[in-house]
């Protein structure tokens, strides 16, 4: 079971308290009305499925009920870092639990 540190509550809790909310740092098109169907479809549905370090968004459903970002290794499932939405993502070499 994963232990995930919530940067809002400032404590690590078990994974069942959280909900995965998808890949983090997806940039919305600046003018959606001018996007082609293909561009809009790629924005909505296509995500990276990387092996290794991956930036994800999580929701603390049983705690503060806030969204935050996590840097997680998809091979080992180890959570490397957690940080608030809007914060600068940590370098991949930085580790904070």
N, C-alpha and C. Protein backbone atom coordinates (compact mmCIF):
# COMPACT_ATOMS: atom_id res chain seq x y z
N UNK A 1 0.84 -1.18 0.00
CA UNK A 1 0.00 0.00 0.00
C UNK A 1 0.89 1.25 0.00
N UNK A 2 0.50 2.22 -0.78
CA UNK A 2 1.25 3.48 -0.83
C UNK A 2 0.98 4.32 0.41
N UNK A 3 2.00 5.04 0.86
CA UNK A 3 1.84 6.09 1.87
C UNK A 3 2.08 7.38 1.10
N UNK A 4 1.12 8.27 1.13
CA UNK A 4 1.20 9.51 0.37
C UNK A 4 1.18 10.68 1.34
N UNK A 5 2.15 11.57 1.17
CA UNK A 5 2.23 12.78 1.99
C UNK A 5 1.34 13.85 1.37
N UNK A 6 0.40 14.37 2.17
CA UNK A 6 -0.46 15.46 1.71
C UNK A 6 0.19 16.78 2.11
N UNK A 7 0.58 17.63 1.16
CA UNK A 7 1.24 18.89 1.50
C UNK A 7 0.29 19.91 2.13
N UNK A 8 -0.99 19.69 2.07
CA UNK A 8 -1.95 20.60 2.70
C UNK A 8 -2.15 20.19 4.17
N UNK A 9 -2.41 18.90 4.41
CA UNK A 9 -2.57 18.40 5.78
C UNK A 9 -1.22 18.26 6.50
N UNK A 10 -0.16 18.19 5.72
CA UNK A 10 1.21 18.02 6.21
C UNK A 10 1.40 16.74 7.01
N UNK A 11 0.85 15.63 6.46
CA UNK A 11 1.08 14.32 7.04
C UNK A 11 0.92 13.24 5.97
N UNK A 12 1.57 12.11 6.18
CA UNK A 12 1.47 10.97 5.27
C UNK A 12 0.35 10.06 5.74
N UNK A 13 -0.48 9.63 4.79
CA UNK A 13 -1.60 8.75 5.09
C UNK A 13 -1.63 7.61 4.07
N UNK A 14 -2.42 6.58 4.35
CA UNK A 14 -2.53 5.43 3.45
C UNK A 14 -3.31 5.79 2.19
N UNK A 15 -2.95 5.12 1.11
CA UNK A 15 -3.53 5.37 -0.21
C UNK A 15 -5.07 5.36 -0.27
N UNK A 16 -5.78 4.48 0.45
CA UNK A 16 -7.24 4.48 0.34
C UNK A 16 -7.91 5.82 0.68
N UNK A 17 -7.20 6.72 1.35
CA UNK A 17 -7.76 8.04 1.66
C UNK A 17 -7.75 8.97 0.44
N UNK A 18 -7.06 8.57 -0.61
CA UNK A 18 -6.85 9.43 -1.77
C UNK A 18 -7.49 8.85 -3.02
N UNK A 19 -7.69 9.71 -4.01
CA UNK A 19 -8.14 9.28 -5.33
C UNK A 19 -7.16 9.84 -6.37
N UNK A 20 -6.72 8.97 -7.26
CA UNK A 20 -5.87 9.37 -8.37
C UNK A 20 -6.68 10.25 -9.31
N UNK A 21 -6.11 11.36 -9.76
CA UNK A 21 -6.85 12.30 -10.60
C UNK A 21 -6.19 12.54 -11.96
N UNK A 22 -5.22 11.71 -12.32
CA UNK A 22 -4.63 11.83 -13.65
C UNK A 22 -3.26 12.48 -13.67
N UNK A 23 -2.75 12.61 -14.86
CA UNK A 23 -1.44 13.21 -15.08
C UNK A 23 -1.47 14.69 -14.71
N UNK A 24 -0.44 15.15 -14.05
CA UNK A 24 -0.34 16.56 -13.63
C UNK A 24 0.29 17.41 -14.73
N UNK A 25 0.09 18.70 -14.63
CA UNK A 25 0.71 19.71 -15.49
C UNK A 25 0.28 19.60 -16.96
N UNK A 26 -0.97 19.25 -17.19
CA UNK A 26 -1.53 19.25 -18.54
C UNK A 26 -1.94 20.69 -18.86
N UNK A 27 -1.42 21.24 -19.94
CA UNK A 27 -1.69 22.63 -20.30
C UNK A 27 -2.92 22.70 -21.20
N UNK A 28 -3.92 23.44 -20.74
CA UNK A 28 -5.14 23.62 -21.52
C UNK A 28 -4.85 24.54 -22.71
N UNK A 29 -5.41 24.25 -23.88
CA UNK A 29 -5.21 25.15 -25.03
C UNK A 29 -5.66 26.57 -24.69
N UNK A 30 -4.91 27.56 -25.14
CA UNK A 30 -5.21 28.95 -24.80
C UNK A 30 -6.53 29.42 -25.40
N UNK A 31 -6.91 28.91 -26.57
CA UNK A 31 -8.17 29.29 -27.20
C UNK A 31 -8.88 28.02 -27.69
N UNK A 32 -9.63 27.35 -26.81
CA UNK A 32 -10.27 26.09 -27.18
C UNK A 32 -11.20 26.19 -28.38
N UNK A 33 -11.83 27.37 -28.58
CA UNK A 33 -12.74 27.52 -29.72
C UNK A 33 -12.03 27.44 -31.07
N UNK A 34 -10.74 27.70 -31.08
CA UNK A 34 -9.96 27.67 -32.32
C UNK A 34 -9.23 26.34 -32.54
N UNK A 35 -9.36 25.40 -31.61
CA UNK A 35 -8.71 24.09 -31.74
C UNK A 35 -9.44 23.24 -32.76
N UNK A 36 -8.68 22.43 -33.45
CA UNK A 36 -9.30 21.44 -34.33
C UNK A 36 -9.84 20.31 -33.45
N UNK A 37 -10.67 19.47 -34.00
CA UNK A 37 -11.18 18.33 -33.24
C UNK A 37 -10.03 17.42 -32.80
N UNK A 38 -9.03 17.27 -33.64
CA UNK A 38 -7.89 16.43 -33.30
C UNK A 38 -7.11 17.03 -32.13
N UNK A 39 -6.84 18.34 -32.16
CA UNK A 39 -6.11 18.99 -31.07
C UNK A 39 -6.89 18.89 -29.75
N UNK A 40 -8.19 19.12 -29.81
CA UNK A 40 -8.99 19.06 -28.59
C UNK A 40 -9.06 17.63 -28.06
N UNK A 41 -9.20 16.66 -28.96
CA UNK A 41 -9.20 15.26 -28.56
C UNK A 41 -7.89 14.84 -27.90
N UNK A 42 -6.77 15.30 -28.45
CA UNK A 42 -5.47 14.99 -27.85
C UNK A 42 -5.35 15.59 -26.45
N UNK A 43 -5.84 16.83 -26.29
CA UNK A 43 -5.81 17.45 -24.97
C UNK A 43 -6.67 16.67 -23.96
N UNK A 44 -7.85 16.25 -24.37
CA UNK A 44 -8.77 15.58 -23.45
C UNK A 44 -8.38 14.14 -23.11
N UNK A 45 -7.88 13.40 -24.10
CA UNK A 45 -7.77 11.96 -23.92
C UNK A 45 -6.37 11.36 -23.92
N UNK A 46 -5.40 12.01 -24.50
CA UNK A 46 -4.09 11.39 -24.63
C UNK A 46 -3.16 11.85 -23.53
N UNK A 47 -2.59 10.89 -22.80
CA UNK A 47 -1.69 11.16 -21.69
C UNK A 47 -0.43 10.30 -21.84
N UNK A 48 0.64 10.77 -21.23
CA UNK A 48 1.87 9.99 -21.21
C UNK A 48 1.68 8.80 -20.29
N UNK A 49 2.24 7.69 -20.66
CA UNK A 49 2.21 6.49 -19.82
C UNK A 49 3.66 6.07 -19.64
N UNK A 50 4.37 6.86 -18.85
CA UNK A 50 5.81 6.69 -18.72
C UNK A 50 6.19 5.59 -17.74
N UNK A 51 7.31 4.98 -18.00
CA UNK A 51 7.92 4.07 -17.04
C UNK A 51 8.98 4.89 -16.32
N UNK A 52 8.85 4.96 -15.00
CA UNK A 52 9.79 5.75 -14.21
C UNK A 52 9.06 6.89 -13.51
N UNK A 53 9.75 8.01 -13.34
CA UNK A 53 9.16 9.14 -12.62
C UNK A 53 8.04 9.78 -13.42
N UNK A 54 6.92 10.02 -12.75
CA UNK A 54 5.72 10.54 -13.39
C UNK A 54 5.07 11.54 -12.45
N UNK A 55 4.65 12.69 -12.98
CA UNK A 55 3.96 13.70 -12.17
C UNK A 55 2.46 13.46 -12.28
N UNK A 56 1.82 13.28 -11.12
CA UNK A 56 0.41 12.93 -11.06
C UNK A 56 -0.35 13.90 -10.16
N UNK A 57 -1.66 13.98 -10.37
CA UNK A 57 -2.52 14.77 -9.50
C UNK A 57 -3.33 13.79 -8.66
N UNK A 58 -3.45 14.09 -7.36
CA UNK A 58 -4.21 13.26 -6.43
C UNK A 58 -5.18 14.14 -5.66
N UNK A 59 -6.24 13.53 -5.15
CA UNK A 59 -7.28 14.21 -4.37
C UNK A 59 -7.37 13.54 -3.00
N UNK A 60 -7.26 14.31 -1.92
CA UNK A 60 -7.32 13.77 -0.55
C UNK A 60 -8.78 13.72 -0.10
N UNK A 61 -9.48 12.68 -0.51
CA UNK A 61 -10.92 12.54 -0.29
C UNK A 61 -11.29 12.38 1.18
N UNK A 62 -10.49 11.68 1.96
CA UNK A 62 -10.83 11.42 3.36
C UNK A 62 -10.12 12.38 4.30
N UNK A 63 -9.54 13.42 3.76
CA UNK A 63 -8.82 14.39 4.60
C UNK A 63 -9.27 15.80 4.29
N UNK A 64 -8.37 16.59 3.76
CA UNK A 64 -8.63 18.02 3.50
C UNK A 64 -9.52 18.27 2.28
N UNK A 65 -9.74 17.23 1.47
CA UNK A 65 -10.56 17.33 0.25
C UNK A 65 -9.99 18.32 -0.76
N UNK A 66 -8.67 18.33 -0.87
CA UNK A 66 -7.96 19.22 -1.80
C UNK A 66 -7.16 18.38 -2.78
N UNK A 67 -6.88 18.96 -3.95
CA UNK A 67 -6.01 18.36 -4.95
C UNK A 67 -4.58 18.80 -4.71
N UNK A 68 -3.63 17.93 -5.05
CA UNK A 68 -2.21 18.25 -4.98
C UNK A 68 -1.48 17.34 -5.96
N UNK A 69 -0.20 17.62 -6.18
CA UNK A 69 0.60 16.84 -7.14
C UNK A 69 1.57 15.92 -6.42
N UNK A 70 1.88 14.82 -7.09
CA UNK A 70 2.80 13.81 -6.55
C UNK A 70 3.79 13.44 -7.65
N UNK A 71 5.04 13.29 -7.27
CA UNK A 71 6.06 12.74 -8.16
C UNK A 71 6.26 11.29 -7.72
N UNK A 72 5.87 10.34 -8.60
CA UNK A 72 5.88 8.92 -8.24
C UNK A 72 6.60 8.11 -9.30
N UNK A 73 7.34 7.11 -8.85
CA UNK A 73 8.02 6.19 -9.74
C UNK A 73 7.03 5.09 -10.11
N UNK A 74 6.68 4.98 -11.39
CA UNK A 74 5.67 4.02 -11.81
C UNK A 74 6.18 2.58 -11.83
N UNK A 75 7.48 2.39 -11.73
CA UNK A 75 8.02 1.03 -11.68
C UNK A 75 8.00 0.49 -10.25
N UNK A 76 8.45 1.28 -9.29
CA UNK A 76 8.51 0.83 -7.90
C UNK A 76 7.29 1.28 -7.09
N UNK A 77 6.49 2.18 -7.63
CA UNK A 77 5.34 2.81 -6.97
C UNK A 77 5.77 3.69 -5.78
N UNK A 78 7.03 3.98 -5.67
CA UNK A 78 7.52 4.82 -4.59
C UNK A 78 7.16 6.28 -4.84
N UNK A 79 6.57 6.91 -3.83
CA UNK A 79 6.25 8.33 -3.91
C UNK A 79 7.52 9.10 -3.55
N UNK A 80 8.01 9.89 -4.50
CA UNK A 80 9.26 10.63 -4.30
C UNK A 80 9.03 12.01 -3.68
N UNK A 81 7.91 12.66 -4.04
CA UNK A 81 7.64 14.01 -3.54
C UNK A 81 6.16 14.33 -3.70
N UNK A 82 5.68 15.24 -2.87
CA UNK A 82 4.34 15.78 -2.96
C UNK A 82 4.44 17.29 -2.89
N UNK A 83 3.61 17.99 -3.66
CA UNK A 83 3.66 19.44 -3.65
C UNK A 83 2.30 20.00 -4.05
N UNK A 84 2.03 21.22 -3.62
CA UNK A 84 0.74 21.87 -3.87
C UNK A 84 0.55 22.21 -5.34
N UNK A 85 -0.69 22.28 -5.77
CA UNK A 85 -0.99 22.75 -7.12
C UNK A 85 -0.47 24.17 -7.27
N UNK A 86 0.09 24.48 -8.41
CA UNK A 86 0.63 25.81 -8.66
C UNK A 86 2.06 25.98 -8.19
N UNK A 87 2.55 25.06 -7.37
CA UNK A 87 3.94 25.13 -6.92
C UNK A 87 4.87 24.61 -8.01
N UNK A 88 6.10 25.04 -7.96
CA UNK A 88 7.09 24.56 -8.91
C UNK A 88 7.38 23.09 -8.63
N UNK A 89 7.30 22.24 -9.66
CA UNK A 89 7.59 20.82 -9.44
C UNK A 89 9.02 20.64 -8.98
N UNK A 90 9.26 19.71 -8.04
CA UNK A 90 10.63 19.48 -7.58
C UNK A 90 11.46 18.84 -8.69
N UNK A 91 12.76 19.06 -8.64
CA UNK A 91 13.65 18.36 -9.56
C UNK A 91 13.56 16.88 -9.28
N UNK A 92 13.81 16.08 -10.27
CA UNK A 92 13.69 14.64 -10.08
C UNK A 92 14.72 14.10 -9.10
N UNK A 93 15.77 14.85 -8.83
CA UNK A 93 16.78 14.41 -7.88
C UNK A 93 16.36 14.71 -6.43
N UNK A 94 15.45 15.68 -6.24
CA UNK A 94 15.00 16.03 -4.90
C UNK A 94 14.00 14.98 -4.42
N UNK A 95 14.11 14.57 -3.18
CA UNK A 95 13.19 13.59 -2.61
C UNK A 95 12.65 14.16 -1.30
N UNK A 96 11.31 14.14 -1.17
CA UNK A 96 10.68 14.61 0.06
C UNK A 96 9.44 13.79 0.31
N UNK A 97 9.40 13.16 1.46
CA UNK A 97 8.20 12.39 1.86
C UNK A 97 7.53 13.09 3.02
